[in-house]
Amino acid sequence: MFRGSTGHCVAYEALDKPHLPDFVQNVNMTTTVIVNKPRSEVYAFWRKLDNLPRFMKHLESVTEHEGGRSVWKAKIPGGLGTVGWDAEIVKEEEGKLLGWNSLPGSSIHNSGKVEFRDAAGNGTEITVLISYRAPLGAIGEGVVRLLSPVFEKLIESDVKGFKHYIEEGSKVASEFSFNQ
């Protein structure tokens, strides 16, 4: 139980191996939406990371720091509390792409990218890919696999929330309630 929940194995440590093999799989989610705004405007709004909690219902805050680093705080589904992590932008192409990774020691190991492409009628196609690794080893992975449909719906809802927010100029209730 200890090994499954922490990923630490006394036998591996005795053999001079720092941790168990990477048997825990990443969970990947992708969603795409077309926004009826120019790419430069859409990118500029998204790039200001502290804007994200305005339309992402699960985020409490994002605080930007120098060097592309940021501190994130999110609500856990079902009102079970919050979780936080540090991240940094690892790839940026002005107006086209933002890529990030969580920093070592973060409670949630995640990475992802947001791509911005021109769409018909002066619109913007946004594709969001988020990949994360469940905490607590195999036990956490099992829980995350059960909750993946909820997380996928949450990400889709957040991206649709962005579409509504940027097109309408204010927060519009999304179809998905985070506490469901």
N, C-alpha and C. Protein backbone atom coordinates (compact mmCIF):
# COMPACT_ATOMS: atom_id res chain seq x y z
N MET A 1 0.82 -1.19 0.00
CA MET A 1 0.00 0.00 0.00
C MET A 1 0.87 1.26 0.00
N PHE A 2 1.92 1.28 0.82
CA PHE A 2 2.82 2.42 0.88
C PHE A 2 3.48 2.64 -0.47
N ARG A 3 3.96 1.57 -1.09
CA ARG A 3 4.61 1.68 -2.39
C ARG A 3 3.66 2.20 -3.45
N GLY A 4 2.43 1.72 -3.44
CA GLY A 4 1.45 2.15 -4.43
C GLY A 4 1.04 3.60 -4.27
N SER A 5 0.98 4.06 -3.04
CA SER A 5 0.52 5.42 -2.81
C SER A 5 1.63 6.46 -2.92
N THR A 6 2.87 6.06 -2.66
CA THR A 6 3.96 7.04 -2.69
C THR A 6 4.89 6.85 -3.88
N GLY A 7 4.91 5.66 -4.48
CA GLY A 7 5.86 5.40 -5.56
C GLY A 7 7.24 5.06 -5.03
N HIS A 8 7.40 5.01 -3.72
CA HIS A 8 8.69 4.71 -3.11
C HIS A 8 8.76 3.22 -2.76
N CYS A 9 9.84 2.58 -3.17
CA CYS A 9 10.01 1.17 -2.89
C CYS A 9 11.35 0.95 -2.20
N VAL A 10 11.30 0.36 -1.00
CA VAL A 10 12.51 0.11 -0.23
C VAL A 10 13.44 -0.84 -1.00
N ALA A 11 12.88 -1.83 -1.68
CA ALA A 11 13.70 -2.77 -2.47
C ALA A 11 14.43 -2.05 -3.60
N TYR A 12 13.75 -1.17 -4.31
CA TYR A 12 14.40 -0.41 -5.39
C TYR A 12 15.48 0.50 -4.82
N GLU A 13 15.20 1.08 -3.65
CA GLU A 13 16.19 1.95 -3.02
C GLU A 13 17.44 1.15 -2.66
N ALA A 14 17.27 -0.07 -2.16
CA ALA A 14 18.40 -0.92 -1.81
C ALA A 14 19.23 -1.29 -3.04
N LEU A 15 18.58 -1.36 -4.20
CA LEU A 15 19.28 -1.67 -5.45
C LEU A 15 19.83 -0.43 -6.14
N ASP A 16 19.80 0.71 -5.43
CA ASP A 16 20.27 1.99 -5.96
C ASP A 16 19.42 2.52 -7.11
N LYS A 17 18.15 2.16 -7.12
CA LYS A 17 17.22 2.71 -8.09
C LYS A 17 16.34 3.69 -7.33
N PRO A 18 16.25 4.95 -7.80
CA PRO A 18 15.56 5.97 -7.01
C PRO A 18 14.05 5.83 -6.91
N HIS A 19 13.40 5.15 -7.84
CA HIS A 19 11.94 5.02 -7.79
C HIS A 19 11.51 3.85 -8.65
N LEU A 20 10.24 3.54 -8.52
CA LEU A 20 9.67 2.48 -9.34
C LEU A 20 9.67 2.88 -10.80
N PRO A 21 9.62 1.91 -11.70
CA PRO A 21 9.52 2.27 -13.12
C PRO A 21 8.26 3.09 -13.37
N ASP A 22 8.27 3.83 -14.46
CA ASP A 22 7.12 4.67 -14.80
C ASP A 22 5.98 3.81 -15.32
N PHE A 23 5.23 3.20 -14.40
CA PHE A 23 4.09 2.39 -14.81
C PHE A 23 2.81 3.22 -14.83
N VAL A 24 2.84 4.39 -14.25
CA VAL A 24 1.66 5.24 -14.22
C VAL A 24 1.60 6.00 -15.55
N GLN A 25 0.47 5.92 -16.20
CA GLN A 25 0.29 6.54 -17.50
C GLN A 25 -0.22 7.97 -17.38
N ASN A 26 0.16 8.80 -18.34
CA ASN A 26 -0.38 10.15 -18.41
C ASN A 26 -1.83 10.10 -18.89
N VAL A 27 -2.60 11.05 -18.44
CA VAL A 27 -3.96 11.23 -18.93
C VAL A 27 -3.91 12.43 -19.87
N ASN A 28 -4.37 12.25 -21.10
CA ASN A 28 -4.32 13.31 -22.10
C ASN A 28 -5.72 13.71 -22.50
N MET A 29 -5.93 15.03 -22.61
CA MET A 29 -7.22 15.55 -23.02
C MET A 29 -6.99 16.64 -24.06
N THR A 30 -7.80 16.61 -25.12
CA THR A 30 -7.71 17.61 -26.18
C THR A 30 -9.10 18.11 -26.50
N THR A 31 -9.20 19.40 -26.73
CA THR A 31 -10.46 19.99 -27.18
C THR A 31 -10.16 21.17 -28.10
N THR A 32 -11.05 21.41 -29.02
CA THR A 32 -10.88 22.49 -30.00
C THR A 32 -12.17 23.29 -30.09
N VAL A 33 -12.02 24.60 -30.29
CA VAL A 33 -13.17 25.49 -30.45
C VAL A 33 -12.79 26.61 -31.41
N ILE A 34 -13.78 27.11 -32.13
CA ILE A 34 -13.58 28.28 -32.99
C ILE A 34 -14.16 29.50 -32.28
N VAL A 35 -13.36 30.54 -32.16
CA VAL A 35 -13.75 31.78 -31.51
C VAL A 35 -13.88 32.85 -32.58
N ASN A 36 -14.94 33.62 -32.52
CA ASN A 36 -15.19 34.67 -33.51
C ASN A 36 -14.52 35.98 -33.12
N LYS A 37 -13.21 35.89 -32.99
CA LYS A 37 -12.36 37.05 -32.69
C LYS A 37 -11.02 36.83 -33.40
N PRO A 38 -10.30 37.91 -33.72
CA PRO A 38 -9.01 37.77 -34.38
C PRO A 38 -7.98 37.06 -33.49
N ARG A 39 -7.09 36.30 -34.13
CA ARG A 39 -6.09 35.51 -33.41
C ARG A 39 -5.25 36.36 -32.46
N SER A 40 -4.83 37.55 -32.90
CA SER A 40 -3.98 38.39 -32.04
C SER A 40 -4.69 38.75 -30.73
N GLU A 41 -5.98 39.05 -30.81
CA GLU A 41 -6.76 39.40 -29.62
C GLU A 41 -6.96 38.19 -28.70
N VAL A 42 -7.26 37.05 -29.32
CA VAL A 42 -7.49 35.82 -28.55
C VAL A 42 -6.21 35.39 -27.84
N TYR A 43 -5.10 35.41 -28.57
CA TYR A 43 -3.81 35.03 -27.98
C TYR A 43 -3.45 35.98 -26.83
N ALA A 44 -3.57 37.27 -27.05
CA ALA A 44 -3.18 38.25 -26.03
C ALA A 44 -3.97 38.06 -24.75
N PHE A 45 -5.27 37.77 -24.87
CA PHE A 45 -6.09 37.57 -23.68
C PHE A 45 -5.66 36.29 -22.95
N TRP A 46 -5.46 35.19 -23.68
CA TRP A 46 -5.09 33.92 -23.06
C TRP A 46 -3.69 34.01 -22.46
N ARG A 47 -2.79 34.73 -23.12
CA ARG A 47 -1.40 34.80 -22.67
C ARG A 47 -1.28 35.47 -21.30
N LYS A 48 -2.21 36.32 -20.97
CA LYS A 48 -2.23 36.94 -19.64
C LYS A 48 -2.89 35.91 -18.71
N LEU A 49 -2.06 35.06 -18.13
CA LEU A 49 -2.54 33.88 -17.41
C LEU A 49 -3.52 34.19 -16.29
N ASP A 50 -3.39 35.35 -15.66
CA ASP A 50 -4.32 35.66 -14.58
C ASP A 50 -5.74 35.92 -15.09
N ASN A 51 -5.94 35.94 -16.43
CA ASN A 51 -7.29 35.99 -17.00
C ASN A 51 -7.99 34.63 -16.94
N LEU A 52 -7.23 33.56 -16.88
CA LEU A 52 -7.81 32.22 -17.01
C LEU A 52 -8.90 31.90 -15.98
N PRO A 53 -8.77 32.28 -14.70
CA PRO A 53 -9.86 31.99 -13.76
C PRO A 53 -11.17 32.71 -14.07
N ARG A 54 -11.14 33.69 -14.96
CA ARG A 54 -12.37 34.38 -15.34
C ARG A 54 -13.34 33.46 -16.07
N PHE A 55 -12.81 32.48 -16.78
CA PHE A 55 -13.68 31.58 -17.54
C PHE A 55 -13.46 30.11 -17.22
N MET A 56 -12.41 29.77 -16.50
CA MET A 56 -12.17 28.38 -16.09
C MET A 56 -12.71 28.23 -14.67
N LYS A 57 -13.88 27.60 -14.57
CA LYS A 57 -14.57 27.51 -13.29
C LYS A 57 -13.78 26.77 -12.21
N HIS A 58 -12.91 25.86 -12.60
CA HIS A 58 -12.17 25.08 -11.61
C HIS A 58 -10.94 25.82 -11.07
N LEU A 59 -10.54 26.92 -11.70
CA LEU A 59 -9.37 27.66 -11.23
C LEU A 59 -9.76 28.74 -10.23
N GLU A 60 -9.07 28.76 -9.10
CA GLU A 60 -9.26 29.84 -8.14
C GLU A 60 -8.37 31.01 -8.50
N SER A 61 -7.11 30.70 -8.87
CA SER A 61 -6.18 31.78 -9.20
C SER A 61 -5.01 31.26 -10.01
N VAL A 62 -4.43 32.19 -10.77
CA VAL A 62 -3.15 31.97 -11.45
C VAL A 62 -2.37 33.26 -11.24
N THR A 63 -1.20 33.14 -10.65
CA THR A 63 -0.35 34.29 -10.37
C THR A 63 0.92 34.17 -11.20
N GLU A 64 1.13 35.15 -12.07
CA GLU A 64 2.32 35.13 -12.93
C GLU A 64 3.52 35.72 -12.21
N HIS A 65 4.68 35.12 -12.48
CA HIS A 65 5.96 35.63 -11.96
C HIS A 65 6.90 35.81 -13.14
N GLU A 66 8.04 36.39 -12.89
CA GLU A 66 9.02 36.62 -13.95
C GLU A 66 9.53 35.30 -14.52
N GLY A 67 10.03 35.38 -15.74
CA GLY A 67 10.64 34.21 -16.36
C GLY A 67 9.65 33.17 -16.84
N GLY A 68 8.40 33.56 -17.04
CA GLY A 68 7.40 32.63 -17.54
C GLY A 68 6.88 31.66 -16.50
N ARG A 69 7.20 31.89 -15.24
CA ARG A 69 6.72 31.02 -14.16
C ARG A 69 5.40 31.53 -13.60
N SER A 70 4.63 30.59 -13.06
CA SER A 70 3.32 30.94 -12.50
C SER A 70 2.95 29.97 -11.40
N VAL A 71 2.05 30.42 -10.53
CA VAL A 71 1.52 29.61 -9.44
C VAL A 71 0.03 29.44 -9.69
N TRP A 72 -0.43 28.19 -9.68
CA TRP A 72 -1.83 27.85 -9.99
C TRP A 72 -2.50 27.28 -8.76
N LYS A 73 -3.78 27.62 -8.58
CA LYS A 73 -4.58 27.06 -7.49
C LYS A 73 -5.93 26.68 -8.08
N ALA A 74 -6.31 25.40 -7.91
CA ALA A 74 -7.55 24.89 -8.51
C ALA A 74 -8.41 24.21 -7.45
N LYS A 75 -9.72 24.21 -7.74
CA LYS A 75 -10.68 23.53 -6.86
C LYS A 75 -10.71 22.05 -7.21
N ILE A 76 -10.79 21.22 -6.20
CA ILE A 76 -10.94 19.78 -6.39
C ILE A 76 -12.43 19.49 -6.58
N PRO A 77 -12.78 18.64 -7.57
CA PRO A 77 -14.21 18.34 -7.80
C PRO A 77 -14.92 17.89 -6.54
N GLY A 78 -16.18 18.26 -6.43
CA GLY A 78 -17.00 17.85 -5.30
C GLY A 78 -16.80 18.70 -4.06
N GLY A 79 -16.09 19.82 -4.19
CA GLY A 79 -15.87 20.68 -3.03
C GLY A 79 -14.93 20.09 -2.00
N LEU A 80 -13.98 19.24 -2.45
CA LEU A 80 -13.07 18.57 -1.52
C LEU A 80 -11.84 19.39 -1.16
N GLY A 81 -11.80 20.65 -1.57
CA GLY A 81 -10.66 21.50 -1.24
C GLY A 81 -10.00 22.06 -2.48
N THR A 82 -8.73 22.41 -2.34
CA THR A 82 -7.97 22.97 -3.45
C THR A 82 -6.63 22.26 -3.58
N VAL A 83 -6.03 22.43 -4.74
CA VAL A 83 -4.71 21.90 -5.00
C VAL A 83 -3.94 22.97 -5.77
N GLY A 84 -2.65 23.05 -5.54
CA GLY A 84 -1.84 24.06 -6.21
C GLY A 84 -0.59 23.46 -6.81
N TRP A 85 -0.03 24.16 -7.78
CA TRP A 85 1.22 23.73 -8.41
C TRP A 85 1.89 24.93 -9.05
N ASP A 86 3.18 24.78 -9.29
CA ASP A 86 3.96 25.79 -9.99
C ASP A 86 4.21 25.30 -11.41
N ALA A 87 4.21 26.22 -12.36
CA ALA A 87 4.43 25.85 -13.76
C ALA A 87 5.29 26.92 -14.43
N GLU A 88 5.78 26.56 -15.60
CA GLU A 88 6.50 27.55 -16.39
C GLU A 88 6.21 27.34 -17.87
N ILE A 89 6.21 28.44 -18.60
CA ILE A 89 6.04 28.38 -20.04
C ILE A 89 7.36 27.90 -20.62
N VAL A 90 7.31 26.81 -21.38
CA VAL A 90 8.53 26.24 -21.94
C VAL A 90 8.65 26.47 -23.44
N LYS A 91 7.54 26.86 -24.06
CA LYS A 91 7.59 27.18 -25.48
C LYS A 91 6.52 28.23 -25.76
N GLU A 92 6.95 29.27 -26.46
CA GLU A 92 6.01 30.32 -26.82
C GLU A 92 6.34 30.83 -28.21
N GLU A 93 5.32 30.81 -29.05
CA GLU A 93 5.41 31.40 -30.37
C GLU A 93 4.32 32.46 -30.41
N GLU A 94 4.73 33.71 -30.39
CA GLU A 94 3.80 34.83 -30.31
C GLU A 94 2.61 34.66 -31.25
N GLY A 95 1.41 34.67 -30.69
CA GLY A 95 0.20 34.58 -31.49
C GLY A 95 -0.15 33.19 -31.99
N LYS A 96 0.71 32.19 -31.72
CA LYS A 96 0.50 30.85 -32.28
C LYS A 96 0.44 29.73 -31.24
N LEU A 97 1.30 29.80 -30.22
CA LEU A 97 1.46 28.64 -29.34
C LEU A 97 1.94 29.05 -27.96
N LEU A 98 1.36 28.41 -26.93
CA LEU A 98 1.86 28.47 -25.56
C LEU A 98 2.01 27.03 -25.08
N GLY A 99 3.18 26.67 -24.60
CA GLY A 99 3.40 25.34 -24.04
C GLY A 99 3.94 25.47 -22.63
N TRP A 100 3.53 24.59 -21.73
CA TRP A 100 3.96 24.68 -20.34
C TRP A 100 4.23 23.30 -19.75
N ASN A 101 4.95 23.32 -18.64
CA ASN A 101 5.18 22.15 -17.80
C ASN A 101 5.06 22.58 -16.35
N SER A 102 4.57 21.69 -15.51
CA SER A 102 4.63 21.96 -14.08
C SER A 102 6.09 21.81 -13.65
N LEU A 103 6.44 22.48 -12.59
CA LEU A 103 7.82 22.44 -12.10
C LEU A 103 8.01 21.25 -11.17
N PRO A 104 9.25 20.76 -11.06
CA PRO A 104 9.52 19.65 -10.14
C PRO A 104 9.04 20.00 -8.73
N GLY A 105 8.47 19.01 -8.07
CA GLY A 105 7.96 19.20 -6.71
C GLY A 105 6.51 19.63 -6.68
N SER A 106 5.90 19.87 -7.84
CA SER A 106 4.50 20.26 -7.87
C SER A 106 3.61 19.10 -7.47
N SER A 107 2.49 19.40 -6.83
CA SER A 107 1.57 18.34 -6.41
C SER A 107 0.85 17.71 -7.59
N ILE A 108 0.70 18.44 -8.68
CA ILE A 108 0.10 17.92 -9.90
C ILE A 108 1.13 18.06 -11.01
N HIS A 109 1.52 16.93 -11.59
CA HIS A 109 2.48 16.95 -12.70
C HIS A 109 1.68 17.05 -13.99
N ASN A 110 1.82 18.19 -14.66
CA ASN A 110 1.05 18.39 -15.88
C ASN A 110 1.86 19.17 -16.90
N SER A 111 1.41 19.08 -18.11
CA SER A 111 2.00 19.84 -19.20
C SER A 111 0.90 20.03 -20.24
N GLY A 112 1.18 20.87 -21.18
CA GLY A 112 0.19 21.06 -22.23
C GLY A 112 0.58 22.15 -23.18
N LYS A 113 -0.35 22.39 -24.09
CA LYS A 113 -0.14 23.47 -25.04
C LYS A 113 -1.48 23.97 -25.52
N VAL A 114 -1.48 25.23 -25.92
CA VAL A 114 -2.63 25.85 -26.54
C VAL A 114 -2.15 26.39 -27.88
N GLU A 115 -2.81 25.95 -28.94
CA GLU A 115 -2.45 26.40 -30.28
C GLU A 115 -3.53 27.34 -30.80
N PHE A 116 -3.11 28.38 -31.48
CA PHE A 116 -4.01 29.40 -32.03
C PHE A 116 -3.79 29.44 -33.54
N ARG A 117 -4.85 29.21 -34.32
CA ARG A 117 -4.77 29.25 -35.78
C ARG A 117 -5.88 30.14 -36.33
N ASP A 118 -5.59 30.78 -37.46
CA ASP A 118 -6.62 31.57 -38.13
C ASP A 118 -7.74 30.65 -38.59
N ALA A 119 -8.96 31.13 -38.45
CA ALA A 119 -10.14 30.41 -38.93
C ALA A 119 -10.92 31.34 -39.85
N ALA A 120 -11.88 30.78 -40.54
CA ALA A 120 -12.68 31.55 -41.49
C ALA A 120 -13.36 32.74 -40.81
N GLY A 121 -13.52 33.81 -41.57
CA GLY A 121 -14.26 34.98 -41.08
C GLY A 121 -13.56 35.73 -39.98
N ASN A 122 -12.25 35.83 -40.01
CA ASN A 122 -11.48 36.56 -39.01
C ASN A 122 -11.59 35.92 -37.62
N GLY A 123 -11.88 34.62 -37.57
CA GLY A 123 -11.97 33.89 -36.31
C GLY A 123 -10.65 33.21 -35.96
N THR A 124 -10.67 32.52 -34.85
CA THR A 124 -9.49 31.80 -34.35
C THR A 124 -9.88 30.41 -33.91
N GLU A 125 -9.15 29.42 -34.38
CA GLU A 125 -9.31 28.05 -33.89
C GLU A 125 -8.32 27.86 -32.75
N ILE A 126 -8.84 27.44 -31.60
CA ILE A 126 -8.01 27.18 -30.42
C ILE A 126 -8.05 25.67 -30.15
N THR A 127 -6.88 25.07 -30.04
CA THR A 127 -6.78 23.66 -29.65
C THR A 127 -6.00 23.60 -28.35
N VAL A 128 -6.61 22.99 -27.34
CA VAL A 128 -6.00 22.86 -26.02
C VAL A 128 -5.70 21.39 -25.78
N LEU A 129 -4.45 21.09 -25.44
CA LEU A 129 -4.02 19.74 -25.07
C LEU A 129 -3.46 19.82 -23.66
N ILE A 130 -4.02 19.03 -22.77
CA ILE A 130 -3.53 18.96 -21.39
C ILE A 130 -3.19 17.51 -21.08
N SER A 131 -2.02 17.33 -20.50
CA SER A 131 -1.57 16.01 -20.11
C SER A 131 -1.15 16.08 -18.64
N TYR A 132 -1.63 15.14 -17.85
CA TYR A 132 -1.21 15.14 -16.46
C TYR A 132 -1.03 13.72 -15.96
N ARG A 133 -0.26 13.63 -14.90
CA ARG A 133 0.03 12.35 -14.27
C ARG A 133 -0.62 12.37 -12.90
N ALA A 134 -1.34 11.33 -12.60
CA ALA A 134 -2.06 11.25 -11.33
C ALA A 134 -1.08 11.20 -10.16
N PRO A 135 -1.41 11.92 -9.08
CA PRO A 135 -0.61 11.79 -7.86
C PRO A 135 -0.90 10.44 -7.18
N LEU A 136 -0.07 10.03 -6.28
CA LEU A 136 -0.25 8.83 -5.44
C LEU A 136 -0.09 7.52 -6.21
N GLY A 137 0.70 7.51 -7.27
CA GLY A 137 1.01 6.26 -7.96
C GLY A 137 -0.20 5.56 -8.53
N ALA A 138 -0.21 4.22 -8.41
CA ALA A 138 -1.27 3.40 -9.01
C ALA A 138 -2.64 3.70 -8.41
N ILE A 139 -2.68 4.00 -7.12
CA ILE A 139 -3.96 4.33 -6.48
C ILE A 139 -4.54 5.60 -7.11
N GLY A 140 -3.71 6.63 -7.22
CA GLY A 140 -4.15 7.88 -7.84
C GLY A 140 -4.55 7.69 -9.28
N GLU A 141 -3.80 6.83 -9.99
CA GLU A 141 -4.14 6.59 -11.39
C GLU A 141 -5.52 5.96 -11.51
N GLY A 142 -5.84 5.03 -10.63
CA GLY A 142 -7.16 4.41 -10.66
C GLY A 142 -8.27 5.42 -10.43
N VAL A 143 -8.06 6.31 -9.47
CA VAL A 143 -9.05 7.34 -9.18
C VAL A 143 -9.19 8.28 -10.37
N VAL A 144 -8.05 8.69 -10.96
CA VAL A 144 -8.09 9.61 -12.10
C VAL A 144 -8.78 8.96 -13.29
N ARG A 145 -8.55 7.69 -13.52
CA ARG A 145 -9.21 7.01 -14.64
C ARG A 145 -10.74 7.04 -14.45
N LEU A 146 -11.17 6.89 -13.22
CA LEU A 146 -12.62 6.97 -12.95
C LEU A 146 -13.15 8.38 -13.18
N LEU A 147 -12.34 9.38 -12.84
CA LEU A 147 -12.77 10.77 -12.94
C LEU A 147 -12.46 11.42 -14.28
N SER A 148 -11.72 10.72 -15.16
CA SER A 148 -11.33 11.32 -16.44
C SER A 148 -12.49 11.88 -17.24
N PRO A 149 -13.63 11.19 -17.33
CA PRO A 149 -14.74 11.79 -18.07
C PRO A 149 -15.18 13.13 -17.46
N VAL A 150 -15.12 13.25 -16.15
CA VAL A 150 -15.48 14.51 -15.49
C VAL A 150 -14.47 15.58 -15.86
N PHE A 151 -13.16 15.23 -15.80
CA PHE A 151 -12.13 16.21 -16.14
C PHE A 151 -12.21 16.62 -17.61
N GLU A 152 -12.48 15.66 -18.49
CA GLU A 152 -12.61 15.99 -19.91
C GLU A 152 -13.77 16.95 -20.14
N LYS A 153 -14.88 16.70 -19.50
CA LYS A 153 -16.04 17.58 -19.63
C LYS A 153 -15.72 18.96 -19.06
N LEU A 154 -14.96 18.99 -17.97
CA LEU A 154 -14.56 20.24 -17.35
C LEU A 154 -13.69 21.06 -18.31
N ILE A 155 -12.72 20.44 -18.94
CA ILE A 155 -11.84 21.14 -19.87
C ILE A 155 -12.64 21.65 -21.06
N GLU A 156 -13.52 20.82 -21.61
CA GLU A 156 -14.37 21.26 -22.73
C GLU A 156 -15.22 22.45 -22.30
N SER A 157 -15.78 22.38 -21.11
CA SER A 157 -16.61 23.47 -20.59
C SER A 157 -15.79 24.75 -20.43
N ASP A 158 -14.56 24.61 -19.92
CA ASP A 158 -13.69 25.78 -19.74
C ASP A 158 -13.38 26.44 -21.08
N VAL A 159 -13.09 25.64 -22.09
CA VAL A 159 -12.74 26.20 -23.40
C VAL A 159 -13.98 26.86 -24.03
N LYS A 160 -15.14 26.24 -23.87
CA LYS A 160 -16.38 26.87 -24.34
C LYS A 160 -16.66 28.15 -23.54
N GLY A 161 -16.34 28.11 -22.25
CA GLY A 161 -16.48 29.30 -21.42
C GLY A 161 -15.60 30.43 -21.92
N PHE A 162 -14.40 30.09 -22.38
CA PHE A 162 -13.52 31.10 -22.96
C PHE A 162 -14.16 31.71 -24.20
N LYS A 163 -14.69 30.86 -25.06
CA LYS A 163 -15.35 31.33 -26.28
C LYS A 163 -16.45 32.35 -25.93
N HIS A 164 -17.30 31.98 -25.00
CA HIS A 164 -18.39 32.88 -24.58
C HIS A 164 -17.83 34.17 -23.97
N TYR A 165 -16.83 34.00 -23.12
CA TYR A 165 -16.27 35.16 -22.42
C TYR A 165 -15.68 36.17 -23.39
N ILE A 166 -14.86 35.69 -24.31
CA ILE A 166 -14.17 36.62 -25.22
C ILE A 166 -15.11 37.18 -26.27
N GLU A 167 -16.10 36.39 -26.69
CA GLU A 167 -17.05 36.89 -27.69
C GLU A 167 -18.08 37.83 -27.08
N GLU A 168 -18.53 37.54 -25.88
CA GLU A 168 -19.59 38.32 -25.25
C GLU A 168 -19.06 39.44 -24.37
N GLY A 169 -17.80 39.35 -23.98
CA GLY A 169 -17.20 40.40 -23.15
C GLY A 169 -17.48 40.26 -21.67
N SER A 170 -18.13 39.18 -21.26
CA SER A 170 -18.37 38.94 -19.85
C SER A 170 -18.57 37.45 -19.63
N LYS A 171 -18.51 37.07 -18.38
CA LYS A 171 -18.66 35.66 -18.07
C LYS A 171 -20.09 35.19 -18.35
N VAL A 172 -20.18 34.11 -19.09
CA VAL A 172 -21.46 33.49 -19.39
C VAL A 172 -21.43 32.12 -18.75
N ALA A 173 -22.48 31.75 -18.05
CA ALA A 173 -22.53 30.45 -17.39
C ALA A 173 -22.30 29.34 -18.41
N SER A 174 -21.42 28.42 -18.08
CA SER A 174 -21.16 27.30 -18.99
C SER A 174 -22.20 26.20 -18.78
N GLU A 175 -22.20 25.25 -19.68
CA GLU A 175 -23.17 24.16 -19.61
C GLU A 175 -22.89 23.21 -18.47
N PHE A 176 -21.67 23.21 -17.98
CA PHE A 176 -21.25 22.22 -17.01
C PHE A 176 -21.03 22.85 -15.65
N SER A 177 -21.69 22.34 -14.65
CA SER A 177 -21.48 22.81 -13.30
C SER A 177 -20.36 22.01 -12.68
N PHE A 178 -19.36 22.69 -12.12
CA PHE A 178 -18.18 22.02 -11.58
C PHE A 178 -18.53 21.07 -10.44
N ASN A 179 -19.57 21.33 -9.71
CA ASN A 179 -19.90 20.50 -8.56
C ASN A 179 -20.75 19.29 -8.92
N GLN A 180 -20.96 19.04 -10.21
CA GLN A 180 -21.75 17.87 -10.60
C GLN A 180 -20.96 16.61 -10.36
